[in-house]
Structure formats: structure tokens, C-alpha cells
Protein backbone atom coordinates (compact mmCIF):
# COMPACT_ATOMS: atom_id res chain seq x y z
CA MET A 1 -0.10 0.07 0.12
CA THR A 2 1.31 3.33 -0.65
CA VAL A 3 0.44 6.15 1.71
CA ALA A 4 1.73 9.64 1.47
CA VAL A 5 2.91 11.33 4.45
CA VAL A 6 2.68 15.01 3.59
CA GLN A 7 6.07 17.15 4.91
CA PHE A 8 5.62 21.09 5.24
CA GLY A 9 8.18 23.27 6.50
CA GLY A 10 7.88 22.60 10.08
CA SER A 11 6.70 19.25 10.04
CA ASN A 12 8.68 17.34 12.79
CA CYS A 13 6.48 13.98 13.00
CA ASP A 14 6.54 12.87 9.52
CA ARG A 15 9.44 10.34 9.75
CA ASP A 16 7.80 8.93 13.13
CA ALA A 17 4.60 8.46 10.89
CA ILE A 18 6.83 6.94 8.35
CA ALA A 19 8.48 4.63 10.60
CA ALA A 20 5.25 3.53 12.20
CA LEU A 21 3.70 2.78 9.08
CA SER A 22 6.47 0.67 7.54
CA HIS A 23 6.59 -1.38 10.91
CA LEU A 24 2.76 -2.32 10.12
CA GLY A 25 3.74 -3.20 6.59
CA ALA A 26 2.65 -0.11 4.49
CA ASP A 27 4.58 1.45 1.74
CA ALA A 28 4.90 5.21 3.26
CA GLU A 29 6.56 7.82 1.01
CA LEU A 30 7.48 11.00 2.27
CA VAL A 31 5.74 13.90 0.03
CA TRP A 32 7.29 17.40 0.51
CA HIS A 33 4.19 19.69 -0.40
CA ASP A 34 5.54 21.62 -2.90
CA ASP A 35 6.07 18.75 -5.03
CA GLY A 36 2.40 17.34 -5.07
CA LEU A 37 0.62 14.56 -3.89
CA ALA A 38 0.47 12.50 -6.97
CA ASP A 39 4.09 13.37 -8.23
CA GLY A 40 5.43 13.24 -4.86
CA ALA A 41 4.53 9.88 -4.07
CA GLY A 42 5.03 8.56 -7.87
CA VAL A 43 1.26 7.50 -8.51
CA ASP A 44 -0.90 8.78 -11.43
CA THR A 45 -3.66 10.47 -9.35
CA PRO A 46 -4.30 11.32 -5.73
CA ALA A 47 -6.86 9.08 -6.03
CA ALA A 48 -4.63 6.21 -6.77
CA LEU A 49 -3.11 6.37 -2.95
CA ASP A 50 -3.90 4.09 -0.44
CA GLY A 51 -3.67 6.45 2.25
CA ILE A 52 -2.69 9.76 3.29
CA VAL A 53 -0.73 11.40 6.79
CA LEU A 54 -1.19 14.52 8.01
CA PRO A 55 1.74 14.47 10.49
CA GLY A 56 2.26 16.73 13.52
CA GLY A 57 4.51 19.26 13.89
CA PHE A 58 4.48 23.06 13.84
CA SER A 59 3.99 24.09 9.91
CA TYR A 60 5.17 27.36 9.03
CA GLY A 61 5.98 27.83 12.93
CA ASP A 62 2.29 28.14 13.55
CA TYR A 63 1.93 31.40 12.66
CA LEU A 64 -1.74 33.31 12.61
CA ARG A 65 -3.27 29.93 13.37
CA ALA A 66 -1.62 26.39 14.10
CA GLY A 67 -2.02 24.92 10.79
CA ALA A 68 -3.86 27.66 9.03
CA ILE A 69 -0.89 28.72 6.50
CA ALA A 70 -0.45 24.76 5.63
CA ALA A 71 -3.87 24.53 4.97
CA GLN A 72 -3.73 27.18 2.15
CA ALA A 73 -1.09 24.98 0.29
CA PRO A 74 -1.88 23.51 -3.15
CA ILE A 75 -1.49 20.10 -2.09
CA LEU A 76 -4.83 20.26 0.29
CA GLU A 77 -6.89 20.64 -2.91
CA GLU A 78 -5.44 17.03 -3.80
CA VAL A 79 -6.10 15.99 -0.64
CA GLN A 80 -9.34 16.71 -0.99
CA THR A 81 -9.73 15.07 -4.39
CA ALA A 82 -8.31 11.88 -2.71
CA VAL A 83 -11.09 12.20 0.28
CA ASP A 84 -13.53 12.50 -2.11
CA ALA A 85 -12.60 9.53 -4.07
CA GLY A 86 -12.44 7.44 -0.61
CA VAL A 87 -8.74 7.36 0.40
CA PRO A 88 -7.93 6.96 3.94
CA THR A 89 -6.72 10.42 5.30
CA LEU A 90 -5.47 11.18 8.68
CA GLY A 91 -4.49 14.07 10.29
CA VAL A 92 -2.47 14.07 13.68
CA CYS A 93 -2.07 16.81 16.04
CA ASN A 94 -0.70 19.69 13.43
CA GLY A 95 -2.18 17.50 10.79
CA ALA A 96 -5.48 17.38 12.61
CA GLN A 97 -5.23 21.35 13.07
CA VAL A 98 -4.69 21.65 9.30
CA GLY A 99 -7.50 19.36 8.80
CA ALA A 100 -9.65 21.72 10.77
CA GLU A 101 -8.48 24.55 8.97
CA SER A 102 -9.03 23.49 5.28
CA GLY A 103 -12.42 22.15 6.06
CA LEU A 104 -12.11 18.31 5.97
CA ILE A 105 -13.60 18.34 9.46
CA PRO A 106 -15.57 20.88 11.43
CA GLY A 107 -14.90 22.68 14.34
CA ALA A 108 -11.49 24.00 15.33
CA PHE A 109 -8.36 23.41 17.77
CA THR A 110 -7.14 26.47 19.69
CA THR A 111 -4.99 27.33 22.61
CA ASN A 112 -5.37 24.81 25.45
CA ALA A 113 -7.27 25.65 28.38
CA SER A 114 -3.61 25.52 30.42
CA ALA A 115 -2.49 28.21 27.79
CA ARG A 116 0.63 26.03 27.77
CA PHE A 117 2.44 23.33 25.75
CA GLN A 118 1.58 19.92 27.03
CA CYS A 119 3.49 16.61 26.65
CA GLU A 120 2.12 13.56 28.42
CA HIS A 121 0.42 10.54 27.89
CA VAL A 122 -3.14 10.38 28.05
CA HIS A 123 -6.00 7.91 28.30
CA LEU A 124 -8.54 7.57 25.01
CA ARG A 125 -12.11 5.99 25.12
CA VAL A 126 -12.97 4.06 21.62
CA GLU A 127 -16.42 5.70 21.19
CA ARG A 128 -17.04 3.51 17.90
CA SER A 129 -15.03 0.17 16.54
CA ASP A 130 -16.81 0.13 13.25
CA THR A 131 -14.86 3.03 10.97
CA PRO A 132 -11.46 2.14 9.51
CA TRP A 133 -9.54 4.04 12.23
CA THR A 134 -11.22 2.02 15.20
CA ASN A 135 -11.83 -1.45 13.91
CA ALA A 136 -8.99 -2.76 15.73
CA TYR A 137 -10.79 -2.06 19.02
CA ASP A 138 -13.65 -2.40 20.83
CA ALA A 139 -16.41 0.23 21.47
CA GLY A 140 -15.60 1.38 25.03
CA GLU A 141 -11.90 0.34 25.21
CA VAL A 142 -9.49 2.40 26.72
CA ILE A 143 -6.32 2.76 24.87
CA GLU A 144 -2.86 4.96 25.80
CA VAL A 145 -1.04 7.52 23.49
CA PRO A 146 0.94 10.67 24.06
CA ILE A 147 0.04 14.04 23.26
CA ALA A 148 2.46 16.84 22.50
CA HIS A 149 0.24 20.41 21.55
CA ALA A 150 -0.18 23.86 22.74
CA GLU A 151 -3.40 24.20 20.78
CA GLY A 152 -5.40 21.00 21.07
CA ARG A 153 -8.30 22.15 22.60
CA PHE A 154 -11.13 21.21 20.45
CA VAL A 155 -13.78 23.91 20.02
CA ALA A 156 -17.09 23.83 18.06
CA ASP A 157 -20.62 25.54 18.40
CA ASP A 158 -23.76 24.16 20.06
CA THR A 159 -25.14 23.19 16.45
CA THR A 160 -21.74 21.48 15.29
CA ALA A 161 -20.97 19.60 18.39
CA ASP A 162 -24.65 18.42 18.69
CA ARG A 163 -24.29 16.89 15.13
CA LEU A 164 -21.24 15.07 15.49
CA ASP A 165 -22.63 13.05 18.49
CA ALA A 166 -25.83 12.65 16.70
CA ASP A 167 -23.90 11.54 13.57
CA GLY A 168 -21.65 9.19 15.52
CA ARG A 169 -18.41 11.15 14.48
CA VAL A 170 -16.85 11.29 17.83
CA LEU A 171 -13.96 8.67 17.45
CA PHE A 172 -11.90 9.45 20.95
CA ARG A 173 -12.83 11.05 24.23
CA TYR A 174 -10.03 11.58 26.77
CA CYS A 175 -11.00 10.00 29.69
CA GLU A 176 -9.63 8.15 32.88
CA PRO A 177 -7.87 4.81 32.99
CA ASP A 178 -11.35 3.08 33.65
CA GLY A 179 -13.00 4.79 30.80
CA ALA A 180 -15.02 7.66 32.73
CA VAL A 181 -15.01 10.84 30.91
CA THR A 182 -14.16 13.81 33.27
CA ASP A 183 -12.92 17.18 33.44
CA ALA A 184 -9.71 15.83 35.12
CA ALA A 185 -8.96 13.42 32.44
CA ASN A 186 -9.07 16.48 29.85
CA PRO A 187 -5.92 17.39 29.17
CA ASN A 188 -6.53 20.76 27.34
CA GLY A 189 -10.03 21.81 27.72
CA SER A 190 -11.46 20.15 24.53
CA ARG A 191 -15.54 20.44 24.29
CA ASP A 192 -16.93 16.98 25.51
CA ASN A 193 -13.40 15.52 25.91
CA VAL A 194 -13.47 15.42 22.19
CA ALA A 195 -9.97 13.82 21.13
CA GLY A 196 -10.66 12.71 17.42
CA VAL A 197 -13.32 13.45 15.00
CA LEU A 198 -14.43 11.84 11.81
CA GLY A 199 -15.21 14.15 8.34
CA GLU A 200 -18.17 13.82 6.40
CA THR A 201 -17.14 10.33 5.57
CA ASP A 202 -15.75 7.43 7.68
CA ASN A 203 -12.36 7.49 5.45
CA VAL A 204 -11.30 10.95 6.85
CA ALA A 205 -10.48 11.34 10.47
CA VAL A 206 -8.38 13.44 12.71
CA MET A 207 -6.86 13.30 16.20
CA MET A 208 -4.71 15.29 18.55
CA PRO A 209 -2.85 12.46 20.20
CA HIS A 210 -0.33 10.42 18.50
CA PRO A 211 -0.92 6.86 17.40
CA GLU A 212 2.51 6.63 15.60
CA ARG A 213 4.31 7.20 18.76
CA ALA A 214 2.70 4.52 20.50
CA SER A 215 2.93 1.81 17.52
CA LEU A 216 6.34 0.65 18.23
CA PRO A 217 6.33 -1.63 21.14
CA ASP A 218 10.08 -1.08 21.66
CA ILE A 219 9.90 2.79 22.28
CA GLY A 220 6.12 3.61 23.89
CA GLY A 221 3.81 0.87 23.62
CA ALA A 222 1.44 -0.42 20.84
CA ASP A 223 -1.87 1.24 21.96
CA GLY A 224 -1.89 3.46 18.41
CA GLN A 225 -1.57 0.72 15.96
CA GLY A 226 -4.94 0.04 15.64
CA VAL A 227 -5.51 3.77 14.16
CA LEU A 228 -2.97 3.10 11.52
CA ARG A 229 -4.08 -0.26 10.83
CA ALA A 230 -6.50 1.15 8.67
CA PHE A 231 -3.58 1.85 6.23
CA ALA A 232 -2.08 -1.75 6.69
């Protein structure tokens, strides 16, 4: 499977994603944004890809808003074409911010409630088990993965939040080790403890925690592998 990992100036989790995907057997290709999605990955069209990852980091130094400048890059038009064709597409951390800024998912990510950068392990409750990103888990299962962000607080207006809940588009919520969703378990103040959401279709998702950093058992556990198995 050919999975394009899109690299912007300031990306710093791109090679982490490559390593994790390769460990799971995917053919992961690093694609510099200016090269274009198809040409950079060596395929005929974006729709020919088997997957796309928008990785974490600090694209363009997080100027204006995190992900706002990268979201204007022409390669995002190719990403949208691939999404419309059903290509599995995942945004992680800064990639989640790019996904929100470019309209791949509703809502936005803004400054943590603590107003500081937070790097720690968190627990996530799997809300659904019938998506490409969660079918390796059971609904209600709790996994442990790391976060590393300063602008990871998910925000949405009441109408959007209600629609996400009604449509079952929340993938993960921050929780206690026993699965209880509490304010204390919410590391950044995200609305309704949301840690990951789906786009309009199940093939596109974003999440602030880093599954690629919890996919190599020797260096941090393997709880995140299930998310990346959508590409394997």
C-alpha cells in the first residue's frame, strides 16, 4: 500500500509516521508539499493512493493559527480530491489542525485551557469500533497514547457539537483509565473531551494524540497501532 506522508516546513512527526507505518507493512512515502501529492508519491492521481497522513509538527511555525498557513497549500486540493475518492486520510496533531483549517472536519483547535504546551500520556475511550480507524478496538475500550501540543483544545458551536454526537462522528474522548469521561481527564479543555473526530465520511479523520508514537512496542507501547491499521 502506498501511503503519502505530507511534509510541510515545520513538520517534525513525518518520519515518526513513516517508521510506524513501515513497521505495520505499509509502503510509506514522504511527500514534500510543493511537489504535489501524486507526483511526490509516484502515482498517477491522488485517488490512486492507498492512504494519506498529515503529520504533526509546527507547520510554518504555527503563525496566524496552528495549521492555518499549511491549509492554504495547493496540495490540500489534491488531498480533498483523494478524500472524495475514498482514500483513507488521517490528520494527527498539527495535521488535525490543518484538517480543521482546510475544512476536512468541522470545528477547530485552539489554545489549551492551561495556556501552555503539554506533553504527556493520556487515556482515550474508543467511541466506535466500526470505522477504518477503530475497527481494531472494541467500543468502550481504553487506550493510552501521548499528546504533544499547545493548541489542542477542540472547540465547536452547539449546532456542530450536537451534529457530531448525533451522527456518531466522535472517535475518541479523553478519559480516566477506567473509561470515565471526566474534566480531570481532559488535558486541554476540549469540548466534550473530544480527542478525535471523523469528517463527512468515515475515510477521513483527525486526532490530536499521536498514534504513531504508540505503535512501536520497543519505544512506547503499541496502543496506537489500531488507528494506523487503516493503512495496512
